[in-house]
Amino acid sequence: MGFFTADLCDKYQDTVQVLDFGFHSYGGVSKFSGKIATCKLVDNNTELIKLLKSDGKGRVCVVDVDAKYVAVVGDKLMGFAKKNNWAGIVVNGYVRDIETTQNIEVGLISLGTCPKKAPMENSGKIGLDLKFWGVKFIENEYIYIDADGAIISKEEIQI
């Protein structure tokens, strides 16, 4: 992929948002980008599973679980993401199975790891505006992630 978030920030500094939190990369690719698809979870990753089983069309799934200390993404969900053409997953929460997820060619960033999986109760919603890490994630805007950080743009940036 031919972009660097630092260069994009320099060129588009007045039009991009910069994530203000230090996240960790646990996927098989550390540089990824795409149109945003959002998913808000409440103690359950069922809606996320449904979303990742649909055609990702190169999008990036942004998931908010309010930083709760349970893993909502692991090797199985990363497998769904790879199979269904998702570029990556951004989690305001935790992930697990990282020895496996690091070998799946899908981007994955999160706050950290947790061996405990999310309980199967409550529900989630897809397509909501989300706000965390100092930015607003809006369905169908664009996100660009590399080793330097992550930025969001209302429009696709021509690279």
N, C-alpha and C. Protein backbone atom coordinates (compact mmCIF):
# COMPACT_ATOMS: atom_id res chain seq x y z
N MET A 1 0.84 -1.17 0.00
CA MET A 1 0.00 0.00 0.00
C MET A 1 0.88 1.23 0.00
N GLY A 2 0.60 2.16 -0.87
CA GLY A 2 1.48 3.30 -1.05
C GLY A 2 1.12 4.55 -0.28
N PHE A 3 0.90 4.47 1.01
CA PHE A 3 0.65 5.69 1.78
C PHE A 3 1.40 5.62 3.10
N PHE A 4 1.62 6.78 3.66
CA PHE A 4 2.17 6.93 5.00
C PHE A 4 1.29 7.95 5.71
N THR A 5 0.78 7.61 6.89
CA THR A 5 -0.13 8.53 7.57
C THR A 5 0.54 9.85 7.88
N ALA A 6 1.83 9.85 8.15
CA ALA A 6 2.54 11.11 8.42
C ALA A 6 2.47 12.03 7.21
N ASP A 7 2.69 11.48 6.01
CA ASP A 7 2.61 12.29 4.79
C ASP A 7 1.19 12.78 4.54
N LEU A 8 0.20 11.91 4.80
CA LEU A 8 -1.20 12.31 4.61
C LEU A 8 -1.57 13.42 5.58
N CYS A 9 -1.08 13.34 6.82
CA CYS A 9 -1.35 14.40 7.80
C CYS A 9 -0.72 15.73 7.35
N ASP A 10 0.49 15.66 6.80
CA ASP A 10 1.14 16.88 6.32
C ASP A 10 0.33 17.51 5.19
N LYS A 11 -0.10 16.68 4.27
CA LYS A 11 -0.79 17.19 3.08
C LYS A 11 -2.24 17.60 3.35
N TYR A 12 -2.92 16.89 4.24
CA TYR A 12 -4.35 17.13 4.48
C TYR A 12 -4.62 17.53 5.94
N GLN A 13 -3.71 18.24 6.56
CA GLN A 13 -3.81 18.52 7.99
C GLN A 13 -5.10 19.20 8.42
N ASP A 14 -5.73 19.95 7.54
CA ASP A 14 -6.97 20.65 7.90
C ASP A 14 -8.22 19.81 7.69
N THR A 15 -8.08 18.63 7.08
CA THR A 15 -9.27 17.85 6.75
C THR A 15 -9.30 16.44 7.34
N VAL A 16 -8.24 16.04 8.04
CA VAL A 16 -8.23 14.70 8.62
C VAL A 16 -8.28 14.77 10.14
N GLN A 17 -8.83 13.71 10.75
CA GLN A 17 -8.80 13.54 12.20
C GLN A 17 -7.69 12.53 12.52
N VAL A 18 -6.99 12.74 13.61
CA VAL A 18 -5.92 11.84 14.01
C VAL A 18 -6.31 11.15 15.32
N LEU A 19 -6.29 9.83 15.32
CA LEU A 19 -6.58 9.08 16.54
C LEU A 19 -5.54 9.43 17.59
N ASP A 20 -6.00 9.72 18.81
CA ASP A 20 -5.08 10.20 19.84
C ASP A 20 -4.72 9.15 20.88
N PHE A 21 -4.91 7.90 20.57
CA PHE A 21 -4.62 6.85 21.53
C PHE A 21 -3.60 5.89 20.97
N GLY A 22 -2.69 5.43 21.80
CA GLY A 22 -1.70 4.45 21.37
C GLY A 22 -2.31 3.06 21.33
N PHE A 23 -2.55 2.56 20.15
CA PHE A 23 -3.13 1.24 19.99
C PHE A 23 -2.04 0.25 19.61
N HIS A 24 -2.38 -1.02 19.60
CA HIS A 24 -1.43 -2.07 19.25
C HIS A 24 -1.94 -2.83 18.03
N SER A 25 -1.00 -3.28 17.21
CA SER A 25 -1.34 -4.02 16.00
C SER A 25 -1.18 -5.52 16.25
N TYR A 26 -2.25 -6.29 15.94
CA TYR A 26 -2.24 -7.73 16.17
C TYR A 26 -2.63 -8.53 14.93
N GLY A 27 -2.73 -7.87 13.78
CA GLY A 27 -3.11 -8.56 12.55
C GLY A 27 -1.91 -8.93 11.72
N GLY A 28 -2.18 -9.57 10.60
CA GLY A 28 -1.13 -10.00 9.69
C GLY A 28 -0.62 -8.89 8.79
N VAL A 29 -1.31 -7.75 8.76
CA VAL A 29 -0.83 -6.57 8.03
C VAL A 29 -0.90 -5.38 8.99
N SER A 30 0.12 -4.53 8.93
CA SER A 30 0.15 -3.38 9.84
C SER A 30 -0.26 -2.09 9.14
N LYS A 31 -0.36 -2.13 7.82
CA LYS A 31 -0.78 -0.95 7.05
C LYS A 31 -2.03 -1.34 6.28
N PHE A 32 -3.14 -0.62 6.54
CA PHE A 32 -4.39 -0.91 5.84
C PHE A 32 -5.27 0.32 5.83
N SER A 33 -6.23 0.31 4.93
CA SER A 33 -7.14 1.43 4.82
C SER A 33 -8.43 0.96 4.18
N GLY A 34 -9.46 1.79 4.27
CA GLY A 34 -10.72 1.46 3.62
C GLY A 34 -11.86 2.29 4.16
N LYS A 35 -13.00 2.08 3.56
CA LYS A 35 -14.23 2.73 3.99
C LYS A 35 -14.63 2.14 5.33
N ILE A 36 -15.13 2.98 6.23
CA ILE A 36 -15.49 2.56 7.58
C ILE A 36 -16.88 1.93 7.63
N ALA A 37 -16.97 0.80 8.34
CA ALA A 37 -18.24 0.18 8.73
C ALA A 37 -18.20 0.11 10.26
N THR A 38 -19.26 0.58 10.94
CA THR A 38 -19.23 0.66 12.39
C THR A 38 -20.09 -0.40 13.06
N CYS A 39 -19.68 -0.78 14.28
CA CYS A 39 -20.40 -1.77 15.06
C CYS A 39 -20.23 -1.45 16.54
N LYS A 40 -21.34 -1.19 17.23
CA LYS A 40 -21.34 -0.92 18.67
C LYS A 40 -21.80 -2.19 19.37
N LEU A 41 -20.99 -2.72 20.29
CA LEU A 41 -21.32 -3.96 20.99
C LEU A 41 -21.56 -3.71 22.47
N VAL A 42 -22.48 -4.49 23.02
CA VAL A 42 -22.75 -4.46 24.46
C VAL A 42 -22.63 -5.90 24.96
N ASP A 43 -21.46 -6.26 25.46
CA ASP A 43 -21.21 -7.58 26.05
C ASP A 43 -21.53 -8.76 25.14
N ASN A 44 -21.39 -8.61 23.85
CA ASN A 44 -21.75 -9.69 22.94
C ASN A 44 -21.18 -9.34 21.57
N ASN A 45 -20.61 -10.29 20.88
CA ASN A 45 -20.07 -9.98 19.56
C ASN A 45 -20.89 -10.60 18.41
N THR A 46 -22.14 -10.97 18.67
CA THR A 46 -22.97 -11.59 17.65
C THR A 46 -23.16 -10.70 16.43
N GLU A 47 -23.43 -9.42 16.64
CA GLU A 47 -23.61 -8.50 15.50
C GLU A 47 -22.32 -8.35 14.71
N LEU A 48 -21.20 -8.36 15.41
CA LEU A 48 -19.91 -8.28 14.73
C LEU A 48 -19.67 -9.52 13.88
N ILE A 49 -20.01 -10.68 14.40
CA ILE A 49 -19.87 -11.92 13.62
C ILE A 49 -20.70 -11.83 12.34
N LYS A 50 -21.95 -11.39 12.47
CA LYS A 50 -22.81 -11.23 11.28
C LYS A 50 -22.19 -10.28 10.27
N LEU A 51 -21.66 -9.16 10.77
CA LEU A 51 -21.06 -8.17 9.88
C LEU A 51 -19.84 -8.74 9.16
N LEU A 52 -18.96 -9.43 9.90
CA LEU A 52 -17.75 -9.97 9.29
C LEU A 52 -18.03 -11.16 8.37
N LYS A 53 -19.19 -11.77 8.49
CA LYS A 53 -19.58 -12.84 7.57
C LYS A 53 -20.18 -12.28 6.28
N SER A 54 -20.42 -10.96 6.24
CA SER A 54 -20.91 -10.33 5.01
C SER A 54 -19.72 -9.85 4.19
N ASP A 55 -19.97 -9.50 2.93
CA ASP A 55 -18.90 -9.04 2.04
C ASP A 55 -18.35 -7.71 2.53
N GLY A 56 -17.08 -7.71 2.92
CA GLY A 56 -16.45 -6.50 3.42
C GLY A 56 -16.12 -5.48 2.36
N LYS A 57 -15.97 -5.91 1.13
CA LYS A 57 -15.66 -5.02 0.00
C LYS A 57 -14.45 -4.13 0.29
N GLY A 58 -13.48 -4.67 1.04
CA GLY A 58 -12.27 -3.91 1.34
C GLY A 58 -12.44 -2.88 2.44
N ARG A 59 -13.56 -2.93 3.18
CA ARG A 59 -13.81 -1.94 4.23
C ARG A 59 -13.03 -2.28 5.51
N VAL A 60 -13.06 -1.33 6.44
CA VAL A 60 -12.47 -1.51 7.76
C VAL A 60 -13.60 -1.46 8.78
N CYS A 61 -13.72 -2.49 9.58
CA CYS A 61 -14.76 -2.57 10.61
C CYS A 61 -14.25 -1.90 11.88
N VAL A 62 -14.97 -0.87 12.35
CA VAL A 62 -14.62 -0.17 13.57
C VAL A 62 -15.60 -0.60 14.65
N VAL A 63 -15.08 -1.17 15.74
CA VAL A 63 -15.89 -1.79 16.78
C VAL A 63 -15.68 -1.06 18.11
N ASP A 64 -16.78 -0.68 18.75
CA ASP A 64 -16.70 -0.03 20.06
C ASP A 64 -17.36 -0.91 21.11
N VAL A 65 -16.58 -1.31 22.12
CA VAL A 65 -17.12 -2.06 23.26
C VAL A 65 -16.82 -1.31 24.55
N ASP A 66 -16.64 0.00 24.43
CA ASP A 66 -16.35 0.86 25.58
C ASP A 66 -15.14 0.39 26.38
N ALA A 67 -14.17 -0.18 25.70
CA ALA A 67 -12.90 -0.61 26.30
C ALA A 67 -13.09 -1.65 27.41
N LYS A 68 -14.19 -2.38 27.36
CA LYS A 68 -14.43 -3.43 28.36
C LYS A 68 -13.37 -4.53 28.22
N TYR A 69 -12.92 -5.05 29.36
CA TYR A 69 -11.83 -6.02 29.35
C TYR A 69 -12.32 -7.44 29.09
N VAL A 70 -12.78 -7.66 27.86
CA VAL A 70 -13.07 -8.98 27.31
C VAL A 70 -12.67 -8.93 25.84
N ALA A 71 -12.29 -10.06 25.29
CA ALA A 71 -11.90 -10.11 23.88
C ALA A 71 -13.12 -10.27 22.99
N VAL A 72 -13.26 -9.38 22.01
CA VAL A 72 -14.37 -9.48 21.07
C VAL A 72 -13.93 -9.97 19.69
N VAL A 73 -12.62 -10.01 19.46
CA VAL A 73 -12.08 -10.53 18.19
C VAL A 73 -10.96 -11.51 18.52
N GLY A 74 -10.99 -12.63 17.82
CA GLY A 74 -9.94 -13.64 17.94
C GLY A 74 -9.71 -14.27 16.58
N ASP A 75 -9.12 -15.46 16.58
CA ASP A 75 -8.77 -16.10 15.31
C ASP A 75 -9.97 -16.42 14.44
N LYS A 76 -11.10 -16.80 15.04
CA LYS A 76 -12.28 -17.15 14.23
C LYS A 76 -12.83 -15.94 13.51
N LEU A 77 -12.99 -14.81 14.20
CA LEU A 77 -13.52 -13.62 13.56
C LEU A 77 -12.55 -13.06 12.53
N MET A 78 -11.25 -13.17 12.81
CA MET A 78 -10.26 -12.74 11.81
C MET A 78 -10.35 -13.63 10.58
N GLY A 79 -10.63 -14.90 10.77
CA GLY A 79 -10.82 -15.81 9.63
C GLY A 79 -12.01 -15.39 8.79
N PHE A 80 -13.12 -15.01 9.45
CA PHE A 80 -14.30 -14.51 8.72
C PHE A 80 -13.93 -13.25 7.94
N ALA A 81 -13.17 -12.34 8.58
CA ALA A 81 -12.77 -11.09 7.94
C ALA A 81 -11.93 -11.36 6.69
N LYS A 82 -10.99 -12.27 6.80
CA LYS A 82 -10.13 -12.61 5.64
C LYS A 82 -10.97 -13.23 4.52
N LYS A 83 -11.80 -14.19 4.88
CA LYS A 83 -12.62 -14.90 3.88
C LYS A 83 -13.57 -13.95 3.15
N ASN A 84 -14.04 -12.92 3.84
CA ASN A 84 -15.08 -12.05 3.28
C ASN A 84 -14.57 -10.66 2.87
N ASN A 85 -13.26 -10.55 2.64
CA ASN A 85 -12.68 -9.35 2.02
C ASN A 85 -12.75 -8.09 2.88
N TRP A 86 -12.49 -8.22 4.19
CA TRP A 86 -12.35 -7.04 5.05
C TRP A 86 -10.89 -6.65 5.08
N ALA A 87 -10.58 -5.36 4.98
CA ALA A 87 -9.19 -4.90 5.03
C ALA A 87 -8.65 -4.94 6.45
N GLY A 88 -9.53 -4.66 7.43
CA GLY A 88 -9.06 -4.64 8.80
C GLY A 88 -10.18 -4.44 9.80
N ILE A 89 -9.78 -4.53 11.08
CA ILE A 89 -10.70 -4.34 12.20
C ILE A 89 -10.01 -3.44 13.22
N VAL A 90 -10.73 -2.43 13.69
CA VAL A 90 -10.27 -1.52 14.73
C VAL A 90 -11.17 -1.75 15.94
N VAL A 91 -10.59 -2.06 17.10
CA VAL A 91 -11.38 -2.41 18.28
C VAL A 91 -11.06 -1.49 19.45
N ASN A 92 -12.06 -0.77 19.92
CA ASN A 92 -11.94 -0.02 21.17
C ASN A 92 -12.23 -1.01 22.30
N GLY A 93 -11.31 -1.91 22.47
CA GLY A 93 -11.45 -3.01 23.40
C GLY A 93 -10.27 -3.95 23.20
N TYR A 94 -10.53 -5.23 23.41
CA TYR A 94 -9.44 -6.20 23.47
C TYR A 94 -9.66 -7.36 22.50
N VAL A 95 -8.55 -8.05 22.19
CA VAL A 95 -8.55 -9.18 21.26
C VAL A 95 -7.80 -10.34 21.90
N ARG A 96 -7.88 -11.50 21.26
CA ARG A 96 -7.14 -12.67 21.76
C ARG A 96 -6.66 -13.51 20.57
N ASP A 97 -6.02 -14.60 20.89
CA ASP A 97 -5.48 -15.53 19.87
C ASP A 97 -4.45 -14.84 18.98
N ILE A 98 -3.65 -13.94 19.54
CA ILE A 98 -2.78 -13.11 18.70
C ILE A 98 -1.66 -13.89 18.02
N GLU A 99 -1.27 -15.03 18.55
CA GLU A 99 -0.25 -15.81 17.84
C GLU A 99 -0.80 -16.28 16.50
N THR A 100 -2.11 -16.46 16.41
CA THR A 100 -2.75 -16.84 15.15
C THR A 100 -3.14 -15.61 14.33
N THR A 101 -3.74 -14.60 14.98
CA THR A 101 -4.21 -13.42 14.22
C THR A 101 -3.08 -12.71 13.51
N GLN A 102 -1.87 -12.77 14.06
CA GLN A 102 -0.73 -12.11 13.42
C GLN A 102 -0.33 -12.78 12.11
N ASN A 103 -0.89 -13.96 11.84
CA ASN A 103 -0.60 -14.66 10.59
C ASN A 103 -1.76 -14.60 9.59
N ILE A 104 -2.80 -13.85 9.92
CA ILE A 104 -3.95 -13.70 9.01
C ILE A 104 -3.84 -12.34 8.34
N GLU A 105 -3.87 -12.31 7.02
CA GLU A 105 -3.63 -11.08 6.27
C GLU A 105 -4.82 -10.12 6.30
N VAL A 106 -5.11 -9.67 7.50
CA VAL A 106 -6.12 -8.65 7.76
C VAL A 106 -5.54 -7.77 8.85
N GLY A 107 -5.74 -6.45 8.76
CA GLY A 107 -5.27 -5.56 9.81
C GLY A 107 -6.12 -5.72 11.06
N LEU A 108 -5.51 -5.57 12.23
CA LEU A 108 -6.23 -5.65 13.50
C LEU A 108 -5.51 -4.77 14.52
N ILE A 109 -6.21 -3.73 14.99
CA ILE A 109 -5.65 -2.91 16.06
C ILE A 109 -6.64 -2.86 17.22
N SER A 110 -6.09 -2.78 18.43
CA SER A 110 -6.93 -2.73 19.63
C SER A 110 -6.12 -2.13 20.77
N LEU A 111 -6.79 -2.05 21.94
CA LEU A 111 -6.13 -1.54 23.14
C LEU A 111 -5.12 -2.54 23.68
N GLY A 112 -5.37 -3.83 23.47
CA GLY A 112 -4.49 -4.86 24.00
C GLY A 112 -5.13 -6.22 23.87
N THR A 113 -4.65 -7.15 24.69
CA THR A 113 -5.15 -8.52 24.63
C THR A 113 -5.82 -8.92 25.94
N CYS A 114 -6.71 -9.90 25.83
CA CYS A 114 -7.40 -10.48 26.98
C CYS A 114 -7.78 -11.91 26.60
N PRO A 115 -7.45 -12.90 27.41
CA PRO A 115 -7.77 -14.28 27.04
C PRO A 115 -9.26 -14.62 27.16
N LYS A 116 -10.02 -13.82 27.90
CA LYS A 116 -11.44 -14.10 28.14
C LYS A 116 -12.29 -13.57 27.00
N LYS A 117 -13.14 -14.44 26.43
CA LYS A 117 -13.99 -13.99 25.33
C LYS A 117 -15.23 -13.27 25.85
N ALA A 118 -15.86 -12.51 24.96
CA ALA A 118 -17.06 -11.76 25.30
C ALA A 118 -18.20 -12.73 25.62
N PRO A 119 -19.02 -12.41 26.64
CA PRO A 119 -20.17 -13.27 26.94
C PRO A 119 -21.22 -13.18 25.84
N MET A 120 -22.04 -14.19 25.73
CA MET A 120 -23.08 -14.23 24.69
C MET A 120 -24.40 -13.74 25.27
N GLU A 121 -24.45 -12.47 25.60
CA GLU A 121 -25.68 -11.87 26.12
C GLU A 121 -25.78 -10.45 25.56
N ASN A 122 -26.89 -9.83 25.73
CA ASN A 122 -27.16 -8.50 25.22
C ASN A 122 -27.05 -8.47 23.70
N SER A 123 -26.75 -7.31 23.13
CA SER A 123 -26.75 -7.22 21.68
C SER A 123 -25.82 -6.11 21.21
N GLY A 124 -25.91 -5.82 19.93
CA GLY A 124 -25.11 -4.75 19.35
C GLY A 124 -25.86 -4.11 18.21
N LYS A 125 -25.30 -3.02 17.68
CA LYS A 125 -25.92 -2.32 16.56
C LYS A 125 -24.86 -1.96 15.54
N ILE A 126 -25.25 -2.02 14.29
CA ILE A 126 -24.37 -1.73 13.17
C ILE A 126 -24.77 -0.38 12.57
N GLY A 127 -23.79 0.37 12.09
CA GLY A 127 -24.07 1.60 11.36
C GLY A 127 -24.22 2.85 12.20
N LEU A 128 -23.90 2.79 13.49
CA LEU A 128 -24.00 3.96 14.36
C LEU A 128 -22.72 4.80 14.27
N ASP A 129 -22.83 6.12 14.50
CA ASP A 129 -21.64 6.93 14.67
C ASP A 129 -21.01 6.55 16.00
N LEU A 130 -19.69 6.41 16.03
CA LEU A 130 -18.97 6.04 17.24
C LEU A 130 -17.96 7.13 17.56
N LYS A 131 -17.67 7.30 18.85
CA LYS A 131 -16.65 8.28 19.24
C LYS A 131 -15.77 7.67 20.32
N PHE A 132 -14.49 7.55 20.00
CA PHE A 132 -13.48 7.12 20.97
C PHE A 132 -12.12 7.45 20.40
N TRP A 133 -11.10 7.41 21.22
CA TRP A 133 -9.71 7.71 20.85
C TRP A 133 -9.59 9.11 20.24
N GLY A 134 -10.47 10.04 20.67
CA GLY A 134 -10.38 11.43 20.25
C GLY A 134 -10.95 11.76 18.89
N VAL A 135 -11.62 10.81 18.25
CA VAL A 135 -12.20 11.06 16.92
C VAL A 135 -13.60 10.50 16.83
N LYS A 136 -14.30 10.91 15.79
CA LYS A 136 -15.63 10.38 15.50
C LYS A 136 -15.51 9.47 14.28
N PHE A 137 -16.02 8.25 14.43
CA PHE A 137 -16.02 7.27 13.33
C PHE A 137 -17.42 7.27 12.72
N ILE A 138 -17.52 7.61 11.46
CA ILE A 138 -18.81 7.70 10.78
C ILE A 138 -18.82 6.71 9.63
N GLU A 139 -19.89 5.94 9.56
CA GLU A 139 -20.07 4.95 8.50
C GLU A 139 -19.78 5.60 7.14
N ASN A 140 -19.00 4.92 6.31
CA ASN A 140 -18.67 5.31 4.94
C ASN A 140 -17.65 6.44 4.81
N GLU A 141 -17.08 6.92 5.94
CA GLU A 141 -15.90 7.76 5.83
C GLU A 141 -14.71 6.82 5.68
N TYR A 142 -13.49 7.35 5.64
CA TYR A 142 -12.31 6.54 5.33
C TYR A 142 -11.29 6.58 6.46
N ILE A 143 -10.64 5.45 6.67
CA ILE A 143 -9.60 5.35 7.70
C ILE A 143 -8.31 4.81 7.06
N TYR A 144 -7.19 5.35 7.52
CA TYR A 144 -5.87 4.96 7.02
C TYR A 144 -5.00 4.67 8.24
N ILE A 145 -4.39 3.48 8.27
CA ILE A 145 -3.64 3.04 9.44
C ILE A 145 -2.28 2.50 9.01
N ASP A 146 -1.24 2.93 9.71
CA ASP A 146 0.08 2.35 9.52
C ASP A 146 0.83 2.38 10.85
N ALA A 147 2.13 2.13 10.83
CA ALA A 147 2.90 2.04 12.07
C ALA A 147 2.96 3.37 12.83
N ASP A 148 2.77 4.49 12.13
CA ASP A 148 2.82 5.80 12.78
C ASP A 148 1.52 6.17 13.48
N GLY A 149 0.40 5.61 13.04
CA GLY A 149 -0.88 5.97 13.65
C GLY A 149 -2.03 5.75 12.70
N ALA A 150 -3.12 6.44 12.99
CA ALA A 150 -4.33 6.29 12.17
C ALA A 150 -5.00 7.64 11.99
N ILE A 151 -5.56 7.83 10.80
CA ILE A 151 -6.28 9.06 10.49
C ILE A 151 -7.60 8.71 9.83
N ILE A 152 -8.54 9.66 9.94
CA ILE A 152 -9.85 9.51 9.32
C ILE A 152 -10.09 10.69 8.40
N SER A 153 -10.68 10.42 7.24
CA SER A 153 -11.00 11.46 6.27
C SER A 153 -12.46 11.28 5.83
N LYS A 154 -13.15 12.38 5.65
CA LYS A 154 -14.54 12.31 5.16
C LYS A 154 -14.59 11.76 3.73
N GLU A 155 -13.57 12.07 2.95
CA GLU A 155 -13.49 11.65 1.56
C GLU A 155 -12.31 10.69 1.38
N GLU A 156 -12.39 9.86 0.36
CA GLU A 156 -11.26 8.98 0.05
C GLU A 156 -10.09 9.83 -0.42
N ILE A 157 -8.91 9.56 0.10
CA ILE A 157 -7.71 10.28 -0.29
C ILE A 157 -7.06 9.54 -1.45
N GLN A 158 -6.82 10.26 -2.53
CA GLN A 158 -6.16 9.66 -3.69
C GLN A 158 -4.67 9.55 -3.39
N ILE A 159 -4.19 8.32 -3.44
CA ILE A 159 -2.79 8.07 -3.08
C ILE A 159 -1.97 7.84 -4.33
